[in-house]
């Protein structure tokens, strides 16, 4: 799908960062400050939990429907985690942009770069960096949610992700949360005002 088929209305903001960088916190705080910025709803094959709503929490798909979407090229990105698939639906993203909505997406580096190839200047890629690998390791260890092997895998993945940061439109080091949120909010507000 070429970038020129995308409406000139809505815009997309993509956050990517190594695990432990504070991406979810920054994204939540930015959305609180920029009310017009919605959040992209991902698709999944996992079962719906009590209280969840289809199309609000996730787009819940059967494994067969998810695989069909993969074959059709219906995802901007998709991954397999803990026995289930998760992905960002291309048609839902196009619909949002065409209807004039601005969306925030939380994607890995590969998904972010793929989205940029589809939407071009309608997308702003924001990469959050940790102050250092040592700080990142300390943050991840402080979670106490993973064993040494899983921690090693996360840190190796972080190295790969950090090596791609120069392909993003805006890179910020999350050393001070308030300063980071201020800087990211200002950059996103400027981007959205260009509509």
Protein backbone atom coordinates (compact mmCIF):
# COMPACT_ATOMS: atom_id res chain seq x y z
CA UNK A 1 0.00 0.00 0.00
CA UNK A 2 1.58 3.28 -1.05
CA UNK A 3 1.78 6.35 1.14
CA UNK A 4 -0.07 8.46 -1.44
CA UNK A 5 -3.31 6.52 -0.85
CA UNK A 6 -3.44 7.84 2.70
CA UNK A 7 -5.79 10.71 3.46
CA UNK A 8 -4.24 14.02 4.45
CA UNK A 9 -6.34 14.19 7.63
CA UNK A 10 -5.22 12.10 10.55
CA UNK A 11 -1.68 11.59 11.77
CA UNK A 12 0.13 8.76 13.51
CA UNK A 13 2.63 8.97 16.34
CA UNK A 14 4.68 5.86 17.03
CA UNK A 15 6.59 5.19 20.23
CA UNK A 16 9.39 2.63 20.22
CA UNK A 17 11.84 1.91 23.02
CA UNK A 18 13.67 -0.92 24.70
CA UNK A 19 11.74 -2.61 27.49
CA UNK A 20 12.36 -0.75 30.76
CA UNK A 21 12.77 2.68 29.18
CA UNK A 22 9.45 4.02 30.50
CA UNK A 23 7.60 4.05 27.18
CA UNK A 24 4.18 3.14 28.62
CA UNK A 25 4.42 5.81 31.31
CA UNK A 26 5.52 8.49 28.84
CA UNK A 27 2.78 7.48 26.38
CA UNK A 28 0.09 7.66 29.08
CA UNK A 29 1.25 11.09 30.28
CA UNK A 30 1.48 12.46 26.72
CA UNK A 31 -2.05 11.25 25.96
CA UNK A 32 -3.32 12.96 29.13
CA UNK A 33 -1.85 16.24 27.83
CA UNK A 34 -2.93 15.83 24.18
CA UNK A 35 -6.60 14.89 24.34
CA UNK A 36 -7.01 14.55 20.58
CA UNK A 37 -4.45 11.72 20.47
CA UNK A 38 -6.22 8.36 20.56
CA UNK A 39 -4.56 5.01 21.18
CA UNK A 40 -4.35 2.31 18.53
CA UNK A 41 -6.16 -0.90 19.51
CA UNK A 42 -4.16 -4.03 18.68
CA UNK A 43 -5.49 -7.37 17.50
CA UNK A 44 -4.87 -10.60 19.40
CA UNK A 45 -5.71 -14.29 19.36
CA UNK A 46 -5.81 -14.55 23.14
CA UNK A 47 -9.12 -15.08 24.92
CA UNK A 48 -11.10 -12.07 26.06
CA UNK A 49 -10.82 -11.49 29.80
CA UNK A 50 -13.76 -10.50 32.01
CA UNK A 51 -14.54 -6.81 31.58
CA UNK A 52 -12.74 -6.49 28.24
CA UNK A 53 -14.55 -5.31 25.13
CA UNK A 54 -13.85 -6.26 21.53
CA UNK A 55 -12.62 -3.23 19.62
CA UNK A 56 -11.86 -1.32 22.84
CA UNK A 57 -9.24 -3.36 24.66
CA UNK A 58 -8.23 -5.46 21.65
CA UNK A 59 -9.67 -6.66 18.39
CA UNK A 60 -10.15 -10.31 19.37
CA UNK A 61 -9.59 -12.63 16.40
CA UNK A 62 -9.60 -16.39 16.07
CA UNK A 63 -6.26 -17.92 15.18
CA UNK A 64 -7.68 -18.74 11.72
CA UNK A 65 -8.80 -15.13 11.13
CA UNK A 66 -5.44 -13.81 12.36
CA UNK A 67 -3.54 -16.16 10.02
CA UNK A 68 -5.77 -15.09 7.12
CA UNK A 69 -4.95 -11.44 7.87
CA UNK A 70 -1.23 -12.33 7.86
CA UNK A 71 -1.59 -14.02 4.45
CA UNK A 72 -3.47 -10.97 3.09
CA UNK A 73 -0.82 -8.53 4.34
CA UNK A 74 -3.37 -7.08 6.75
CA UNK A 75 -0.92 -6.19 9.53
CA UNK A 76 1.55 -3.35 9.86
CA UNK A 77 3.37 -5.64 12.27
CA UNK A 78 2.61 -8.80 14.24
CA UNK A 79 4.38 -10.95 16.78
CA UNK A 80 3.89 -14.16 18.71
CA UNK A 81 4.09 -13.89 22.52
CA UNK A 82 3.38 -16.56 25.12
CA UNK A 83 1.19 -18.70 22.90
CA UNK A 84 -0.81 -15.93 21.21
CA UNK A 85 -0.46 -13.56 18.27
CA UNK A 86 -0.63 -9.77 18.61
CA UNK A 87 -0.59 -7.24 15.78
CA UNK A 88 -1.52 -3.82 14.43
CA UNK A 89 -4.25 -3.95 11.80
CA UNK A 90 -3.54 -1.97 8.65
CA UNK A 91 -7.22 -1.44 7.76
CA UNK A 92 -8.13 -0.07 11.22
CA UNK A 93 -5.15 2.30 11.08
CA UNK A 94 -6.09 3.49 7.58
CA UNK A 95 -9.71 3.99 8.69
CA UNK A 96 -8.59 6.13 11.64
CA UNK A 97 -6.33 8.30 9.48
CA UNK A 98 -8.96 8.64 6.75
CA UNK A 99 -11.55 9.78 9.32
CA UNK A 100 -9.18 12.46 10.64
CA UNK A 101 -8.16 10.76 13.89
CA UNK A 102 -4.70 11.10 15.36
CA UNK A 103 -3.41 7.86 16.88
CA UNK A 104 -0.56 6.90 19.18
CA UNK A 105 0.90 3.47 18.49
CA UNK A 106 3.31 1.45 20.61
CA UNK A 107 5.36 -0.61 18.15
CA UNK A 108 8.67 -2.40 18.06
CA UNK A 109 11.40 -0.95 15.83
CA UNK A 110 10.56 -3.14 12.84
CA UNK A 111 6.84 -2.31 13.06
CA UNK A 112 7.57 1.41 13.41
CA UNK A 113 9.78 1.47 10.32
CA UNK A 114 7.20 -0.51 8.34
CA UNK A 115 4.47 1.92 9.37
CA UNK A 116 6.66 4.83 8.22
CA UNK A 117 7.12 3.16 4.83
CA UNK A 118 3.33 3.00 4.45
CA UNK A 119 2.29 6.39 5.86
CA UNK A 120 5.35 8.53 5.13
CA UNK A 121 5.13 12.06 6.52
CA UNK A 122 1.74 11.29 8.10
CA UNK A 123 3.70 9.38 10.78
CA UNK A 124 6.10 10.66 13.42
CA UNK A 125 8.45 8.01 14.84
CA UNK A 126 9.57 8.73 18.41
CA UNK A 127 12.34 6.65 19.96
CA UNK A 128 12.87 6.73 23.72
CA UNK A 129 16.37 5.85 24.87
CA UNK A 130 17.51 4.91 28.36
CA UNK A 131 20.28 7.09 29.85
CA UNK A 132 22.66 4.13 29.49
CA UNK A 133 22.66 0.35 29.22
CA UNK A 134 23.67 0.16 32.89
CA UNK A 135 20.63 2.20 33.92
CA UNK A 136 18.42 0.05 31.69
CA UNK A 137 19.80 -3.14 33.24
CA UNK A 138 19.16 -1.74 36.73
CA UNK A 139 15.58 -0.81 35.82
CA UNK A 140 14.89 -4.27 34.43
CA UNK A 141 16.50 -5.99 37.41
CA UNK A 142 14.43 -3.78 39.73
CA UNK A 143 11.23 -5.19 38.27
CA UNK A 144 12.14 -8.63 39.66
CA UNK A 145 9.77 -10.11 37.11
CA UNK A 146 12.29 -12.08 35.08
CA UNK A 147 15.10 -14.51 35.59
CA UNK A 148 18.70 -13.94 34.43
CA UNK A 149 18.12 -15.61 31.03
CA UNK A 150 15.09 -13.44 30.20
CA UNK A 151 16.98 -10.35 31.37
CA UNK A 152 19.89 -11.22 29.08
CA UNK A 153 17.50 -11.60 26.11
CA UNK A 154 15.88 -8.21 26.87
CA UNK A 155 19.26 -6.48 27.06
CA UNK A 156 20.42 -8.07 23.80
CA UNK A 157 17.19 -6.93 22.14
CA UNK A 158 17.73 -3.43 23.58
CA UNK A 159 21.16 -3.25 21.92
CA UNK A 160 19.55 -4.12 18.56
CA UNK A 161 16.76 -1.57 19.07
CA UNK A 162 19.19 1.18 20.07
CA UNK A 163 21.19 0.54 16.89
CA UNK A 164 18.07 1.51 14.88
CA UNK A 165 17.35 4.78 16.73
CA UNK A 166 18.93 6.95 14.02
CA UNK A 167 16.15 5.88 11.62
CA UNK A 168 13.53 7.60 13.80
CA UNK A 169 12.25 11.18 13.39
CA UNK A 170 12.75 12.15 17.01
CA UNK A 171 15.00 10.56 19.64
CA UNK A 172 14.90 11.52 23.31
CA UNK A 173 16.75 10.15 26.33
CA UNK A 174 14.33 9.36 29.17
CA UNK A 175 16.54 10.45 32.05
CA UNK A 176 14.05 12.77 33.77
CA UNK A 177 10.40 11.76 33.29
CA UNK A 178 8.86 15.25 33.44
CA UNK A 179 11.44 16.73 31.07
CA UNK A 180 10.96 13.81 28.68
CA UNK A 181 7.18 14.17 28.70
CA UNK A 182 7.46 17.95 28.19
CA UNK A 183 9.83 17.52 25.24
CA UNK A 184 7.85 14.70 23.60
CA UNK A 185 4.53 16.51 24.10
CA UNK A 186 5.93 19.67 22.48
CA UNK A 187 7.28 17.73 19.48
CA UNK A 188 4.03 15.79 18.97
CA UNK A 189 1.89 18.94 19.33
CA UNK A 190 4.00 20.62 16.65
CA UNK A 191 3.62 17.58 14.39
CA UNK A 192 -0.17 17.38 14.83
CA UNK A 193 -0.57 21.11 14.13
CA UNK A 194 0.89 20.57 10.62
CA UNK A 195 -2.24 18.70 9.49
